[in-house]
Amino acid sequence: MQELLTFIVASILITLSPGPDIIIVISYSLQKGLSSSIKFIMGLITGLLFHSVILIFGWSNFFSNSQIILSYIKIIGFTYFLYQGIVELYFVFVQNQSEANLNSSKNLFKQGIIMNITNPKVGLFFWLFFPNFLFSTEIKEPFQYIILCSIFIIQVFVVFSLTAYFSSRASSNLKLKFLKPLNGLILIFLAMYILFS
């Protein structure tokens, strides 16, 4: 039980720590509202499910030892987010913002999935962090990972949803027109982050 409580506290602190995911959640909440950011969060959760399955079935060694696969995943993530960032900036500076919001809102769920799957640091986090919190000698390892992954995903959803809610409330009270290019710039930064991580 002590290991699980420590795991929950550590997971919440890690989720709250500044990183590309929470920054984008805040940005989307400010610019696009709560419902749009929830789509992105659900995409992130789906990406976490992908990493959870790899951890539970023990495929992590295969992926971690295959530099070619990791390189292809990083290139796909870099290309996708660089393209999305350029498209966001194009709509901000060339076409009207309402069309930009309509276009990008359709892709938010997909962006969340691709962001977590193509970010090698998320995979490394799962493979290196979770084994430290195995809590029973009687329960088989895969079942312990199922419990740990479920706890982690639930707290990510709660923390990100609360972050999105309060950010969207703030956006309704502030004039944030100067932040219009922010989403595009963050996506381009994320592309670079994935490529060089």
Protein backbone atom coordinates (compact mmCIF):
# COMPACT_ATOMS: atom_id res chain seq x y z
CA MET A 1 0.00 0.00 0.00
CA GLN A 2 2.86 2.37 0.83
CA GLU A 3 4.34 1.84 -2.64
CA LEU A 4 1.01 2.70 -4.28
CA LEU A 5 0.59 5.89 -2.26
CA THR A 6 4.13 6.94 -3.12
CA PHE A 7 3.46 6.13 -6.77
CA ILE A 8 0.30 8.29 -6.81
CA VAL A 9 2.08 11.28 -5.25
CA ALA A 10 5.08 10.93 -7.57
CA SER A 11 2.81 10.57 -10.61
CA ILE A 12 0.84 13.73 -9.78
CA LEU A 13 4.04 15.72 -9.27
CA ILE A 14 5.44 14.48 -12.58
CA THR A 15 2.18 15.28 -14.40
CA LEU A 16 2.16 18.81 -12.95
CA SER A 17 5.82 19.45 -13.81
CA PRO A 18 6.35 21.83 -16.77
CA GLY A 19 6.53 19.89 -20.01
CA PRO A 20 5.21 20.02 -23.59
CA ASP A 21 1.99 18.18 -22.76
CA ILE A 22 0.73 20.43 -19.97
CA ILE A 23 1.89 23.55 -21.84
CA ILE A 24 -0.15 22.55 -24.88
CA VAL A 25 -3.17 21.70 -22.69
CA ILE A 26 -3.02 25.22 -21.21
CA SER A 27 -2.50 26.81 -24.63
CA TYR A 28 -5.43 24.97 -26.22
CA SER A 29 -7.63 25.78 -23.23
CA LEU A 30 -6.81 29.49 -23.50
CA GLN A 31 -7.26 29.64 -27.26
CA LYS A 32 -9.86 27.01 -28.14
CA GLY A 33 -11.80 26.42 -24.93
CA LEU A 34 -12.43 23.50 -22.60
CA SER A 35 -14.13 21.10 -25.03
CA SER A 36 -11.28 21.35 -27.54
CA SER A 37 -8.61 20.80 -24.92
CA ILE A 38 -10.51 17.76 -23.60
CA LYS A 39 -10.26 16.25 -27.10
CA PHE A 40 -6.51 16.74 -26.97
CA ILE A 41 -6.34 15.25 -23.46
CA MET A 42 -8.24 12.16 -24.61
CA GLY A 43 -5.69 11.80 -27.39
CA LEU A 44 -2.89 11.98 -24.82
CA ILE A 45 -4.66 9.31 -22.75
CA THR A 46 -4.93 7.05 -25.81
CA GLY A 47 -1.21 7.49 -26.39
CA LEU A 48 -0.57 6.51 -22.77
CA LEU A 49 -2.64 3.36 -23.33
CA PHE A 50 -0.25 2.47 -26.17
CA HIS A 51 2.76 2.75 -23.86
CA SER A 52 0.88 0.86 -21.15
CA VAL A 53 0.25 -2.10 -23.45
CA ILE A 54 3.94 -2.18 -24.41
CA LEU A 55 4.94 -2.17 -20.74
CA ILE A 56 2.39 -4.79 -19.69
CA PHE A 57 3.31 -7.25 -22.45
CA GLY A 58 7.04 -6.73 -22.03
CA TRP A 59 7.73 -5.31 -25.49
CA SER A 60 9.71 -2.43 -23.99
CA ASN A 61 13.03 -4.24 -24.35
CA PHE A 62 12.39 -4.76 -28.06
CA PHE A 63 11.65 -1.08 -28.68
CA SER A 64 14.37 0.26 -26.38
CA ASN A 65 16.99 -1.91 -28.09
CA SER A 66 15.92 -0.97 -31.62
CA GLN A 67 17.39 2.42 -32.52
CA ILE A 68 16.01 2.17 -36.05
CA ILE A 69 12.41 1.91 -34.84
CA LEU A 70 12.92 4.75 -32.36
CA SER A 71 14.46 6.92 -35.09
CA TYR A 72 11.51 6.35 -37.44
CA ILE A 73 9.04 7.14 -34.64
CA LYS A 74 10.87 10.39 -33.87
CA ILE A 75 10.95 11.42 -37.56
CA ILE A 76 7.21 10.76 -37.91
CA GLY A 77 6.48 12.85 -34.79
CA PHE A 78 8.78 15.66 -35.92
CA THR A 79 7.25 15.82 -39.41
CA TYR A 80 3.67 15.73 -38.16
CA PHE A 81 4.02 18.45 -35.52
CA LEU A 82 6.17 20.68 -37.73
CA TYR A 83 3.43 20.50 -40.39
CA GLN A 84 0.67 21.18 -37.84
CA GLY A 85 2.57 24.17 -36.44
CA ILE A 86 3.10 25.68 -39.87
CA VAL A 87 -0.59 25.17 -40.70
CA GLU A 88 -1.62 26.91 -37.46
CA LEU A 89 0.63 29.90 -38.22
CA TYR A 90 -0.61 30.01 -41.81
CA PHE A 91 -4.21 30.32 -40.68
CA VAL A 92 -3.30 32.95 -38.08
CA PHE A 93 -1.38 35.22 -40.45
CA VAL A 94 -2.95 34.46 -43.85
CA GLN A 95 -6.53 33.36 -43.27
CA ASN A 96 -9.10 34.21 -40.62
CA GLN A 97 -8.83 32.77 -37.12
CA SER A 98 -12.26 31.11 -37.12
CA GLU A 99 -11.17 28.91 -40.00
CA ALA A 100 -7.97 28.11 -38.13
CA ASN A 101 -9.93 27.01 -35.07
CA LEU A 102 -12.26 24.88 -37.19
CA ASN A 103 -9.36 23.20 -38.96
CA SER A 104 -7.20 22.52 -35.91
CA SER A 105 -10.03 21.38 -33.62
CA LYS A 106 -10.64 18.40 -35.89
CA ASN A 107 -7.09 17.20 -35.32
CA LEU A 108 -6.74 17.67 -31.57
CA PHE A 109 -7.50 14.06 -30.62
CA LYS A 110 -5.08 12.79 -33.27
CA GLN A 111 -2.44 15.30 -32.14
CA GLY A 112 -2.64 14.00 -28.58
CA ILE A 113 -2.20 10.39 -29.70
CA ILE A 114 0.73 11.13 -31.99
CA MET A 115 2.38 13.38 -29.42
CA ASN A 116 2.57 10.63 -26.79
CA ILE A 117 3.37 7.76 -29.14
CA THR A 118 6.18 9.56 -30.98
CA ASN A 119 7.78 11.12 -27.90
CA PRO A 120 10.51 8.64 -26.87
CA LYS A 121 10.76 10.23 -23.42
CA VAL A 122 7.23 9.06 -22.60
CA GLY A 123 8.20 5.50 -23.47
CA LEU A 124 11.42 5.73 -21.46
CA PHE A 125 9.45 7.14 -18.54
CA PHE A 126 7.12 4.12 -18.55
CA TRP A 127 9.98 1.63 -18.90
CA LEU A 128 12.18 3.19 -16.20
CA PHE A 129 9.71 4.66 -13.70
CA PHE A 130 7.03 2.00 -13.27
CA PRO A 131 9.27 -0.98 -12.33
CA ASN A 132 10.34 0.94 -9.22
CA PHE A 133 6.81 0.73 -7.82
CA LEU A 134 6.01 -2.96 -8.15
CA PHE A 135 4.21 -3.57 -4.90
CA SER A 136 3.65 -7.29 -4.45
CA THR A 137 5.59 -10.53 -4.59
CA GLU A 138 2.36 -12.50 -4.90
CA ILE A 139 0.70 -10.68 -7.82
CA LYS A 140 2.17 -11.37 -11.25
CA GLU A 141 4.15 -8.50 -12.73
CA PRO A 142 1.84 -7.81 -15.73
CA PHE A 143 -1.16 -7.43 -13.39
CA GLN A 144 0.78 -5.01 -11.20
CA TYR A 145 1.61 -2.97 -14.30
CA ILE A 146 -2.08 -2.92 -15.24
CA ILE A 147 -2.90 -1.44 -11.82
CA LEU A 148 -0.06 1.10 -11.97
CA CYS A 149 -0.87 2.16 -15.53
CA SER A 150 -4.56 2.54 -14.66
CA ILE A 151 -3.74 4.74 -11.66
CA PHE A 152 -1.34 6.84 -13.72
CA ILE A 153 -3.79 7.36 -16.59
CA ILE A 154 -6.65 8.30 -14.25
CA GLN A 155 -4.58 10.90 -12.43
CA VAL A 156 -3.31 12.32 -15.76
CA PHE A 157 -6.90 12.75 -16.93
CA VAL A 158 -7.95 14.42 -13.65
CA VAL A 159 -4.92 16.76 -13.47
CA PHE A 160 -5.06 17.77 -17.13
CA SER A 161 -8.84 18.22 -17.07
CA LEU A 162 -8.63 20.50 -14.02
CA THR A 163 -5.79 22.42 -15.69
CA ALA A 164 -7.87 22.81 -18.85
CA TYR A 165 -10.93 23.90 -16.88
CA PHE A 166 -9.17 26.65 -14.92
CA SER A 167 -7.24 27.80 -18.00
CA SER A 168 -10.45 28.07 -20.03
CA ARG A 169 -12.10 30.02 -17.21
CA ALA A 170 -9.16 32.44 -17.23
CA SER A 171 -9.42 32.87 -21.00
CA SER A 172 -13.05 33.97 -20.72
CA ASN A 173 -11.99 36.84 -18.46
CA LEU A 174 -8.90 37.97 -20.37
CA LYS A 175 -8.23 39.39 -23.81
CA LEU A 176 -5.82 36.92 -25.36
CA LYS A 177 -5.61 37.98 -28.99
CA PHE A 178 -1.86 38.42 -28.72
CA LEU A 179 -1.59 34.65 -28.05
CA LYS A 180 -3.04 33.65 -31.43
CA PRO A 181 0.31 32.49 -32.90
CA LEU A 182 1.18 30.62 -29.69
CA ASN A 183 -0.31 27.26 -30.66
CA GLY A 184 1.64 27.12 -33.91
CA LEU A 185 4.89 28.08 -32.22
CA ILE A 186 4.36 25.48 -29.49
CA LEU A 187 3.73 22.76 -32.07
CA ILE A 188 6.92 23.69 -33.94
CA PHE A 189 8.82 23.67 -30.63
CA LEU A 190 7.33 20.24 -29.88
CA ALA A 191 8.54 18.97 -33.27
CA MET A 192 12.08 20.10 -32.40
CA TYR A 193 11.76 18.64 -28.90
CA ILE A 194 10.82 15.22 -30.28
CA LEU A 195 13.58 15.29 -32.92
CA PHE A 196 16.38 16.17 -30.52
CA SER A 197 15.19 14.31 -27.40
